[in-house]
Amino acid sequence: MSLTPVKRFLRKYPVSTLCVVVIWYLCLFRPPHTRLSEITNFDKVVHITMYLGMCSIIWWEYLRSHTSRNRHKLFWLAIVAPIAMSGLIELAQAYLTTNRSGDWIDFAANSIGVLLAALLGLFVLPRFIQKK
């Protein structure tokens, strides 16, 4: 029995999928007020870290489940899709929530995280992943 494309994707990228769901949730729920929010631009560090982590996991899961790299697929899966998701989240925060606001500086921070993960995925992670 062959797997559907969605099941194949979920089998290859389970942790990445979970990270995407968690990021959507974290970006749309009402965050609690903490003293960390008093630190200027602390949220930008959080945005960079979230997207660096999520995209590093995407790269790791891609590299461990494929014997050769498809640069076109990696470009769309690990760079374009996360940046597009980030833009959609900022628009959703601006227009679909009453407790959040869209911020293009957050979008820029998310994009920096994606690009840092791409550097890790291209130059660091392949050294740690065994080839099949």
C-alpha atoms as a PDB file:
ATOM      1  CA  MET A   1       0.000   0.000   0.000  1.00  0.00           C
ATOM      2  CA  SER A   2       1.482   3.352  -0.989  1.00  0.00           C
ATOM      3  CA  LEU A   3       1.352   6.360   1.263  1.00  0.00           C
ATOM      4  CA  THR A   4      -0.452   9.534   0.316  1.00  0.00           C
ATOM      5  CA  PRO A   5       1.769  12.596  -0.227  1.00  0.00           C
ATOM      6  CA  VAL A   6       0.633  14.068   3.108  1.00  0.00           C
ATOM      7  CA  LYS A   7       1.463  10.873   5.012  1.00  0.00           C
ATOM      8  CA  ARG A   8       4.841  10.650   3.260  1.00  0.00           C
ATOM      9  CA  PHE A   9       5.565  14.260   4.206  1.00  0.00           C
ATOM     10  CA  LEU A  10       4.548  13.706   7.834  1.00  0.00           C
ATOM     11  CA  ARG A  11       6.678  10.565   8.013  1.00  0.00           C
ATOM     12  CA  LYS A  12       9.764  12.447   6.736  1.00  0.00           C
ATOM     13  CA  TYR A  13       9.167  15.699   8.658  1.00  0.00           C
ATOM     14  CA  PRO A  14       7.351  14.918  11.930  1.00  0.00           C
ATOM     15  CA  VAL A  15       9.313  17.282  14.191  1.00  0.00           C
ATOM     16  CA  SER A  16       9.284  20.070  11.602  1.00  0.00           C
ATOM     17  CA  THR A  17       5.516  19.763  11.300  1.00  0.00           C
ATOM     18  CA  LEU A  18       5.163  19.940  15.069  1.00  0.00           C
ATOM     19  CA  CYS A  19       7.384  23.047  15.160  1.00  0.00           C
ATOM     20  CA  VAL A  20       5.238  24.748  12.516  1.00  0.00           C
ATOM     21  CA  VAL A  21       2.058  24.034  14.488  1.00  0.00           C
ATOM     22  CA  VAL A  22       3.624  25.267  17.736  1.00  0.00           C
ATOM     23  CA  ILE A  23       4.869  28.477  16.097  1.00  0.00           C
ATOM     24  CA  TRP A  24       1.416  29.208  14.664  1.00  0.00           C
ATOM     25  CA  TYR A  25      -0.097  28.680  18.103  1.00  0.00           C
ATOM     26  CA  LEU A  26       2.507  30.802  19.911  1.00  0.00           C
ATOM     27  CA  CYS A  27       2.103  33.614  17.415  1.00  0.00           C
ATOM     28  CA  LEU A  28      -1.695  33.786  17.636  1.00  0.00           C
ATOM     29  CA  PHE A  29      -2.476  33.230  21.334  1.00  0.00           C
ATOM     30  CA  ARG A  30      -2.476  35.979  23.979  1.00  0.00           C
ATOM     31  CA  PRO A  31       0.975  35.910  25.557  1.00  0.00           C
ATOM     32  CA  PRO A  32       1.300  36.397  29.305  1.00  0.00           C
ATOM     33  CA  HIS A  33       2.982  39.570  30.492  1.00  0.00           C
ATOM     34  CA  THR A  34       6.436  38.866  31.878  1.00  0.00           C
ATOM     35  CA  ARG A  35       9.372  41.026  32.882  1.00  0.00           C
ATOM     36  CA  LEU A  36      11.175  39.847  29.743  1.00  0.00           C
ATOM     37  CA  SER A  37       8.811  41.992  27.661  1.00  0.00           C
ATOM     38  CA  GLU A  38      10.357  45.035  29.335  1.00  0.00           C
ATOM     39  CA  ILE A  39      13.698  44.319  27.627  1.00  0.00           C
ATOM     40  CA  THR A  40      13.879  46.364  24.434  1.00  0.00           C
ATOM     41  CA  ASN A  41      13.645  44.182  21.310  1.00  0.00           C
ATOM     42  CA  PHE A  42      13.855  40.936  23.294  1.00  0.00           C
ATOM     43  CA  ASP A  43      11.013  39.591  21.148  1.00  0.00           C
ATOM     44  CA  LYS A  44      13.215  39.985  18.051  1.00  0.00           C
ATOM     45  CA  VAL A  45      15.759  37.609  19.593  1.00  0.00           C
ATOM     46  CA  VAL A  46      12.894  35.186  20.277  1.00  0.00           C
ATOM     47  CA  HIS A  47      11.732  35.444  16.642  1.00  0.00           C
ATOM     48  CA  ILE A  48      15.222  34.783  15.273  1.00  0.00           C
ATOM     49  CA  THR A  49      15.629  31.833  17.653  1.00  0.00           C
ATOM     50  CA  MET A  50      12.226  30.295  16.817  1.00  0.00           C
ATOM     51  CA  TYR A  51      12.831  30.370  13.083  1.00  0.00           C
ATOM     52  CA  LEU A  52      16.474  29.341  13.388  1.00  0.00           C
ATOM     53  CA  GLY A  53      15.350  26.333  15.432  1.00  0.00           C
ATOM     54  CA  MET A  54      12.408  25.383  13.225  1.00  0.00           C
ATOM     55  CA  CYS A  55      14.353  25.698   9.981  1.00  0.00           C
ATOM     56  CA  SER A  56      17.386  23.885  11.377  1.00  0.00           C
ATOM     57  CA  ILE A  57      15.054  20.994  12.166  1.00  0.00           C
ATOM     58  CA  ILE A  58      13.639  21.148   8.626  1.00  0.00           C
ATOM     59  CA  TRP A  59      17.177  20.943   7.242  1.00  0.00           C
ATOM     60  CA  TRP A  60      18.104  18.111   9.618  1.00  0.00           C
ATOM     61  CA  GLU A  61      15.019  16.077   8.736  1.00  0.00           C
ATOM     62  CA  TYR A  62      15.560  16.676   5.022  1.00  0.00           C
ATOM     63  CA  LEU A  63      19.233  15.690   5.122  1.00  0.00           C
ATOM     64  CA  ARG A  64      18.627  12.555   7.201  1.00  0.00           C
ATOM     65  CA  SER A  65      15.795  11.299   4.957  1.00  0.00           C
ATOM     66  CA  HIS A  66      17.391  11.937   1.543  1.00  0.00           C
ATOM     67  CA  THR A  67      20.549  10.444   0.093  1.00  0.00           C
ATOM     68  CA  SER A  68      21.200  13.399  -2.182  1.00  0.00           C
ATOM     69  CA  ARG A  69      20.330  17.076  -1.998  1.00  0.00           C
ATOM     70  CA  ASN A  70      17.724  18.592  -4.266  1.00  0.00           C
ATOM     71  CA  ARG A  71      18.623  22.300  -4.063  1.00  0.00           C
ATOM     72  CA  HIS A  72      15.348  23.341  -5.665  1.00  0.00           C
ATOM     73  CA  LYS A  73      13.298  21.393  -3.111  1.00  0.00           C
ATOM     74  CA  LEU A  74      15.433  22.668  -0.214  1.00  0.00           C
ATOM     75  CA  PHE A  75      15.069  26.247  -1.429  1.00  0.00           C
ATOM     76  CA  TRP A  76      11.267  26.000  -1.380  1.00  0.00           C
ATOM     77  CA  LEU A  77      10.888  23.808   1.717  1.00  0.00           C
ATOM     78  CA  ALA A  78      13.530  25.277   4.021  1.00  0.00           C
ATOM     79  CA  ILE A  79      13.734  28.927   2.904  1.00  0.00           C
ATOM     80  CA  VAL A  80      10.754  30.201   0.906  1.00  0.00           C
ATOM     81  CA  ALA A  81       7.987  28.348   2.790  1.00  0.00           C
ATOM     82  CA  PRO A  82       9.138  29.454   6.282  1.00  0.00           C
ATOM     83  CA  ILE A  83       9.559  33.075   5.155  1.00  0.00           C
ATOM     84  CA  ALA A  84       6.104  32.988   3.515  1.00  0.00           C
ATOM     85  CA  MET A  85       4.657  31.425   6.685  1.00  0.00           C
ATOM     86  CA  SER A  86       6.207  34.232   8.707  1.00  0.00           C
ATOM     87  CA  GLY A  87       4.564  36.842   6.497  1.00  0.00           C
ATOM     88  CA  LEU A  88       1.213  35.070   6.756  1.00  0.00           C
ATOM     89  CA  ILE A  89       1.512  34.969  10.538  1.00  0.00           C
ATOM     90  CA  GLU A  90       2.241  38.701  10.695  1.00  0.00           C
ATOM     91  CA  LEU A  91      -0.787  39.400   8.479  1.00  0.00           C
ATOM     92  CA  ALA A  92      -2.939  37.073  10.610  1.00  0.00           C
ATOM     93  CA  GLN A  93      -1.795  38.876  13.746  1.00  0.00           C
ATOM     94  CA  ALA A  94      -2.652  42.234  12.201  1.00  0.00           C
ATOM     95  CA  TYR A  95      -6.028  41.375  10.705  1.00  0.00           C
ATOM     96  CA  LEU A  96      -7.402  38.287  12.468  1.00  0.00           C
ATOM     97  CA  THR A  97      -6.574  38.877  16.133  1.00  0.00           C
ATOM     98  CA  THR A  98      -7.462  41.583  18.604  1.00  0.00           C
ATOM     99  CA  ASN A  99      -4.646  40.792  21.010  1.00  0.00           C
ATOM    100  CA  ARG A 100      -1.666  40.837  18.612  1.00  0.00           C
ATOM    101  CA  SER A 101      -0.342  43.187  15.974  1.00  0.00           C
ATOM    102  CA  GLY A 102       1.563  42.438  12.803  1.00  0.00           C
ATOM    103  CA  ASP A 103       5.104  43.773  12.798  1.00  0.00           C
ATOM    104  CA  TRP A 104       7.333  43.821   9.750  1.00  0.00           C
ATOM    105  CA  ILE A 105      10.406  43.995  11.969  1.00  0.00           C
ATOM    106  CA  ASP A 106       9.275  40.617  13.389  1.00  0.00           C
ATOM    107  CA  PHE A 107       9.044  39.397   9.791  1.00  0.00           C
ATOM    108  CA  ALA A 108      12.622  40.566   9.200  1.00  0.00           C
ATOM    109  CA  ALA A 109      13.804  38.833  12.399  1.00  0.00           C
ATOM    110  CA  ASN A 110      12.055  35.614  11.337  1.00  0.00           C
ATOM    111  CA  SER A 111      13.719  35.833   7.921  1.00  0.00           C
ATOM    112  CA  ILE A 112      17.129  36.280   9.556  1.00  0.00           C
ATOM    113  CA  GLY A 113      16.485  33.085  11.542  1.00  0.00           C
ATOM    114  CA  VAL A 114      15.575  31.242   8.319  1.00  0.00           C
ATOM    115  CA  LEU A 115      18.742  32.436   6.571  1.00  0.00           C
ATOM    116  CA  LEU A 116      20.956  31.522   9.543  1.00  0.00           C
ATOM    117  CA  ALA A 117      19.428  28.035   9.497  1.00  0.00           C
ATOM    118  CA  ALA A 118      20.143  27.815   5.759  1.00  0.00           C
ATOM    119  CA  LEU A 119      23.815  28.514   6.473  1.00  0.00           C
ATOM    120  CA  LEU A 120      23.798  25.762   9.107  1.00  0.00           C
ATOM    121  CA  GLY A 121      21.974  23.420   6.738  1.00  0.00           C
ATOM    122  CA  LEU A 122      24.408  24.019   3.931  1.00  0.00           C
ATOM    123  CA  PHE A 123      27.694  24.014   5.813  1.00  0.00           C
ATOM    124  CA  VAL A 124      27.368  22.484   9.301  1.00  0.00           C
ATOM    125  CA  LEU A 125      24.551  19.914   9.543  1.00  0.00           C
ATOM    126  CA  PRO A 126      25.721  17.709   6.634  1.00  0.00           C
ATOM    127  CA  ARG A 127      28.879  16.898   8.614  1.00  0.00           C
ATOM    128  CA  PHE A 128      26.818  15.427  11.450  1.00  0.00           C
ATOM    129  CA  ILE A 129      24.359  13.362   9.436  1.00  0.00           C
ATOM    130  CA  GLN A 130      25.253   9.862   8.308  1.00  0.00           C
ATOM    131  CA  LYS A 131      24.558   9.157   4.657  1.00  0.00           C
ATOM    132  CA  LYS A 132      22.346   6.149   3.918  1.00  0.00           C
END
